[in-house]
Amino acid sequence: MIRLRTALAGLLLTATLIGGGAYAFSYAQPAKQAATASSGPPPVPVVADAVKSGNVPIYLRGIGTVQAYNTDTIRTQVQGQITQVAFKEGQAVHVGDLLAQIDPRPFQAQLDQAIANRERDQAQLVNAQANLQRDSQLMARGYATPQTVDLDKANTGQFGAAVKADEAAIEYAQTQLAYTRITSPIDGVTGIRLIDVGNIVHPTDPNGLVVVTQLQPISVIFTLPETSLPQIQQAMAKGPLTVLAYSEDNKIKLDEGKLAVLDNQIIQTSGSVRLKADFPNPAHRLWPGELVNIRLLIDNRQNALTVAATAG
């Protein structure tokens, strides 16, 4: 009996201690939360800066693709064997610079033959004219028949026409001979060479000899949302608009040019309008096919108040 009472007393003491601990924990939690709530959010740092007055440019921004002003695939206009390649890949060339030479000997021979034919027909024409003059005088004296004079006139006309045909043949042969010198039609930069010395080239060859690309000046085609169209039109009414070209990361200014063309229709699928700007590109920083960031300057606000973006 004594042992039973002792065990019950121990159980009662344990339950009392557990209940007291639970009560103390539940009381401490709201107190901790209240202390945290009273402290509030962490302070926000404030950076102060002076408000400044100055000119503020207003830009419309878009993405554009650099496009060569002229791109010419150089092809031969006559068939023949390449005897000389006169350019290096990536070389700057000017109008009239020799790019390649085709063997000119067959064309020179055709020209020489046409010149010889003209000299022969000219000699015959001179003879026919002399006969006509002599027989006309003889007919006036009764020593020649009208039929003879008519024949002389026919021969004179025939040989005169032959001389004109020979002159046309000479001009054609000279043109063909000139085509053996393949020259650059524009100022630009040559691409990868597509022919070698000894190759037989034809006017129907699909790839040509080389591609010459004009880099100065150069163009950029870019798009802007159609909602910007009224702003662009208002700005264009005031004068030429300045366009800035930047690298894809917007860290390097590549060139500064002028807006050249506002396209005459909206692209329905994208709701945008295409524009074209021309750049002088003196340092060749703009390269055909390159993607660039474009800034179109549409306004320049005078004496506007500005504050640094880091302030606040």
Foldseek 3Di string as FASTA:
>chain_A
DVVVVVVVVVVVVVVVVVVVVVVVVVVVVVVVVVVVVVVPDDDDDFDDDDKAWFKDFDWFKWKWFWAFPDKDFFAFPAWAFWADADDDAFDWFFAFAFGTAGPLVVLVVQLVVLVVQLVVLVVQLVVLVVQLVVQVVCVVVPNHDVVSNVVSVVSNVVSVVSNVVSVVSNVVSVVNSVSRGGTDRHGFTKHDADDDGGDIGHRPDPRHGIMGTHVFKIKIKIKGALVCVVLVVVLVVVHWWKKWWAAPVRPGTQFIWTWDDWDPDADVVVRITMTMTITRRPVSSRDGRHMIMMIIGRDMDGGDIDDDPPGD
